[in-house]
Amino acid sequence: MAANLAKAAPVELPPAIKADKTMRCKDSSLVYVTFFQGDKQAVVRTKKDGSPVMLKAAEAGKPLTADGGWSMTGDTTEITLTQPGKSALSCHA
């Protein structure tokens, strides 16, 4: 078994949660965002108990995106979120 473990590819752990924020948007709606360490992924929900959408970027600092037209830029204090079929919204914590 030790020989098999020595040959195994290194395992990359999922990133730790950096911050979990409720943000108010310009249209008075709320979004719930979980930011992860490394700034390459986040989970967005448009309702507190809604379906989570995982947004990812290849590099930190690039827009986080998901299939269907989701896009997010910003940080734990202020974001710009684009949802499928909607215009961009500015939101802040």
C-alpha atoms as a PDB file:
ATOM      1  CA  MET A   1       0.000   0.000   0.000  1.00  0.00           C
ATOM      2  CA  ALA A   2       2.884   2.366   0.743  1.00  0.00           C
ATOM      3  CA  ALA A   3       4.131   1.983  -2.836  1.00  0.00           C
ATOM      4  CA  ASN A   4       0.686   2.907  -4.212  1.00  0.00           C
ATOM      5  CA  LEU A   5       0.487   5.951  -1.947  1.00  0.00           C
ATOM      6  CA  ALA A   6       3.938   7.091  -3.052  1.00  0.00           C
ATOM      7  CA  LYS A   7       2.803   6.965  -6.702  1.00  0.00           C
ATOM      8  CA  ALA A   8      -0.480   8.782  -6.075  1.00  0.00           C
ATOM      9  CA  ALA A   9      -0.925  12.319  -7.372  1.00  0.00           C
ATOM     10  CA  PRO A  10      -0.916  15.068  -4.741  1.00  0.00           C
ATOM     11  CA  VAL A  11      -4.333  15.896  -3.347  1.00  0.00           C
ATOM     12  CA  GLU A  12      -5.480  19.512  -3.385  1.00  0.00           C
ATOM     13  CA  LEU A  13      -7.822  20.343  -0.537  1.00  0.00           C
ATOM     14  CA  PRO A  14     -10.817  22.579  -1.194  1.00  0.00           C
ATOM     15  CA  PRO A  15     -10.258  26.186  -0.131  1.00  0.00           C
ATOM     16  CA  ALA A  16     -11.359  27.346   3.296  1.00  0.00           C
ATOM     17  CA  ILE A  17     -14.214  29.811   3.697  1.00  0.00           C
ATOM     18  CA  LYS A  18     -12.912  33.375   3.803  1.00  0.00           C
ATOM     19  CA  ALA A  19     -16.208  35.164   4.586  1.00  0.00           C
ATOM     20  CA  ASP A  20     -19.942  34.568   4.521  1.00  0.00           C
ATOM     21  CA  LYS A  21     -21.786  37.819   3.700  1.00  0.00           C
ATOM     22  CA  THR A  22     -25.333  39.051   3.232  1.00  0.00           C
ATOM     23  CA  MET A  23     -25.224  41.935   0.755  1.00  0.00           C
ATOM     24  CA  ARG A  24     -27.827  44.581  -0.094  1.00  0.00           C
ATOM     25  CA  CYS A  25     -28.100  45.486  -3.773  1.00  0.00           C
ATOM     26  CA  LYS A  26     -29.128  48.778  -5.392  1.00  0.00           C
ATOM     27  CA  ASP A  27     -32.577  47.374  -6.194  1.00  0.00           C
ATOM     28  CA  SER A  28     -33.050  46.620  -2.436  1.00  0.00           C
ATOM     29  CA  SER A  29     -32.730  42.859  -2.957  1.00  0.00           C
ATOM     30  CA  LEU A  30     -30.416  40.699  -0.858  1.00  0.00           C
ATOM     31  CA  VAL A  31     -27.790  38.226  -2.048  1.00  0.00           C
ATOM     32  CA  TYR A  32     -25.937  35.755   0.125  1.00  0.00           C
ATOM     33  CA  VAL A  33     -22.296  35.202  -0.838  1.00  0.00           C
ATOM     34  CA  THR A  34     -19.739  32.771   0.555  1.00  0.00           C
ATOM     35  CA  PHE A  35     -16.203  33.826  -0.381  1.00  0.00           C
ATOM     36  CA  PHE A  36     -13.360  31.277  -0.347  1.00  0.00           C
ATOM     37  CA  GLN A  37      -9.618  31.670   0.304  1.00  0.00           C
ATOM     38  CA  GLY A  38      -7.593  32.244  -2.857  1.00  0.00           C
ATOM     39  CA  ASP A  39     -10.268  34.504  -4.401  1.00  0.00           C
ATOM     40  CA  LYS A  40     -10.962  32.021  -7.204  1.00  0.00           C
ATOM     41  CA  GLN A  41     -14.421  30.852  -6.174  1.00  0.00           C
ATOM     42  CA  ALA A  42     -17.580  31.946  -4.405  1.00  0.00           C
ATOM     43  CA  VAL A  43     -21.074  30.601  -3.824  1.00  0.00           C
ATOM     44  CA  VAL A  44     -24.030  32.935  -4.461  1.00  0.00           C
ATOM     45  CA  ARG A  45     -27.637  32.478  -3.386  1.00  0.00           C
ATOM     46  CA  THR A  46     -30.404  34.948  -4.232  1.00  0.00           C
ATOM     47  CA  LYS A  47     -32.619  33.647  -1.411  1.00  0.00           C
ATOM     48  CA  LYS A  48     -31.472  32.642   2.061  1.00  0.00           C
ATOM     49  CA  ASP A  49     -32.589  29.046   1.482  1.00  0.00           C
ATOM     50  CA  GLY A  50     -32.194  29.213  -2.318  1.00  0.00           C
ATOM     51  CA  SER A  51     -30.111  27.053  -4.597  1.00  0.00           C
ATOM     52  CA  PRO A  52     -26.389  27.814  -4.434  1.00  0.00           C
ATOM     53  CA  VAL A  53     -24.511  28.797  -7.588  1.00  0.00           C
ATOM     54  CA  MET A  54     -20.750  28.113  -7.607  1.00  0.00           C
ATOM     55  CA  LEU A  55     -18.831  30.855  -9.429  1.00  0.00           C
ATOM     56  CA  LYS A  56     -15.192  30.214 -10.361  1.00  0.00           C
ATOM     57  CA  ALA A  57     -12.250  31.974 -11.988  1.00  0.00           C
ATOM     58  CA  ALA A  58      -9.015  30.526 -13.382  1.00  0.00           C
ATOM     59  CA  GLU A  59      -6.975  33.238 -11.623  1.00  0.00           C
ATOM     60  CA  ALA A  60      -7.518  35.452  -8.595  1.00  0.00           C
ATOM     61  CA  GLY A  61      -8.647  38.920  -9.641  1.00  0.00           C
ATOM     62  CA  LYS A  62     -10.508  37.720 -12.738  1.00  0.00           C
ATOM     63  CA  PRO A  63     -14.346  37.779 -12.851  1.00  0.00           C
ATOM     64  CA  LEU A  64     -15.978  34.758 -11.223  1.00  0.00           C
ATOM     65  CA  THR A  65     -18.389  33.069 -13.632  1.00  0.00           C
ATOM     66  CA  ALA A  66     -20.813  30.154 -13.895  1.00  0.00           C
ATOM     67  CA  ASP A  67     -22.815  28.596 -16.710  1.00  0.00           C
ATOM     68  CA  GLY A  68     -25.952  30.398 -17.787  1.00  0.00           C
ATOM     69  CA  GLY A  69     -24.649  33.962 -17.645  1.00  0.00           C
ATOM     70  CA  TRP A  70     -23.599  34.397 -14.003  1.00  0.00           C
ATOM     71  CA  SER A  71     -20.714  36.797 -13.357  1.00  0.00           C
ATOM     72  CA  MET A  72     -19.344  38.497 -10.242  1.00  0.00           C
ATOM     73  CA  THR A  73     -16.513  40.898  -9.523  1.00  0.00           C
ATOM     74  CA  GLY A  74     -15.534  42.566  -6.270  1.00  0.00           C
ATOM     75  CA  ASP A  75     -14.607  41.573  -2.750  1.00  0.00           C
ATOM     76  CA  THR A  76     -16.151  40.914   0.670  1.00  0.00           C
ATOM     77  CA  THR A  77     -17.365  44.518   1.029  1.00  0.00           C
ATOM     78  CA  GLU A  78     -18.745  45.306  -2.444  1.00  0.00           C
ATOM     79  CA  ILE A  79     -19.588  43.252  -5.542  1.00  0.00           C
ATOM     80  CA  THR A  80     -21.078  43.652  -8.987  1.00  0.00           C
ATOM     81  CA  LEU A  81     -23.302  40.667  -9.759  1.00  0.00           C
ATOM     82  CA  THR A  82     -24.812  39.741 -13.119  1.00  0.00           C
ATOM     83  CA  GLN A  83     -27.501  37.052 -13.092  1.00  0.00           C
ATOM     84  CA  PRO A  84     -28.884  35.256 -16.161  1.00  0.00           C
ATOM     85  CA  GLY A  85     -31.263  37.534 -18.076  1.00  0.00           C
ATOM     86  CA  LYS A  86     -30.690  40.508 -15.762  1.00  0.00           C
ATOM     87  CA  SER A  87     -28.473  43.576 -15.839  1.00  0.00           C
ATOM     88  CA  ALA A  88     -25.512  44.011 -13.474  1.00  0.00           C
ATOM     89  CA  LEU A  89     -26.290  44.942  -9.871  1.00  0.00           C
ATOM     90  CA  SER A  90     -24.023  46.711  -7.421  1.00  0.00           C
ATOM     91  CA  CYS A  91     -24.244  45.204  -3.928  1.00  0.00           C
ATOM     92  CA  HIS A  92     -22.519  45.978  -0.630  1.00  0.00           C
ATOM     93  CA  ALA A  93     -22.158  44.334   2.772  1.00  0.00           C
END
